[in-house]
Amino acid sequence: MARLEAVCDLELNEQGAMPHDALVAAVAGKHALVSMVTDTVDAAVIEAGADLRVIANAAVGYNNIDVAAAQARGIVVTNTPDVLTDATADFTWGLILGITRRLGEGERLVRSGNWTGWAFDQLLGSSLPGKQLGVIGWGRIGHAVAARAAAFGMSVAHTSRSNAPGSMPLDRLLSTSDIVTLHVPLTGETRHLIDQPALARMKRTAYLINTSRGPVVDEKALAWALRSRLLAGAALDVYEREPAIELELLTLDNVLLAPHLGSATTETRTAMADLAVRNVLAVLAGEPPLTPVP
């Protein structure tokens, strides 16, 4: 904040996600907007921000911004790639370990006061060595998640929109993987990429992990698959109608739910904020942005 205040007047929203009408009103007369993933920067916001020169999204994804409308008005849009890759990859593995070893169920048992002590067959989970990790989305985070698989004795299969070398067809990846982890951006093509037919292709012993964007998964279909034991479990950090969650998922033991914490380390969020600010300062100074959205 101090770096921004040194070069421009600053209006700061500290009330959480800003209502859309308030955001439309707030951008009038502003030259820069630092947005969060919870801010919907659509055509109405862009039209109201007649003086906007840059929209700096403090996230790697930018599905919350109408990029085409912004660029048509000559507004630079930036994001924060790279700085959150490791944190999100580490958290993905936290979810994998949490769901396969039933940590959420174990903690709930202890906190409930119903744990009566160690038992030989209590909350048996699933081991990872010798299993296949299926990575959907072969970008920075997908690569980083895959790079950690060897430490757990897992092989890796991947698929991507670009058909990168070694890419496996999606149907085959779903049917052969023991863990399926999602790392795709939210687009028209990826919305409900994991739907009822996709879930039905997965092994009954498989687990689904999502740290990308919630609408990539059809939550009603996922609840159906988990309830029907068509897959062993799921771990989610993002949700289709965030912060609302499909109610049935809240009742199922074989799903681990986290409140969108993928990049939530002090170091990472500081780096994201710093990069967003540097993008703003560069554009306002008439210099090229550091990380422009294509």
Foldseek 3Di string as FASTA:
>chain_A
DVVDVVPDDDDDDPPPQDPQVVLLVVLAPDQEAEAEPSAQAELSSLVSNLNHAEYEYLAPADPSHPVVSCVVSNHFYFYDPPLQQQLLLVVLVVLVCCLQQLVVVVVVCVVVVNDPDDDPPPSHGDAAAPFEEEEEAPDSNSVNNQVCSVVRNYHYAYAYPVRPPRHDPLLVSQQRGQEYEYADHDDPVQQQCPALVSLLNHALAHEYEYLHEARSHDQVSVLVCCVVSSHQAYEYQYHNPPPDHDVSVVVGSRYHYHPNCSRPDPSSSVSSVVLSVQQVVQVVVVHHGPGTDD
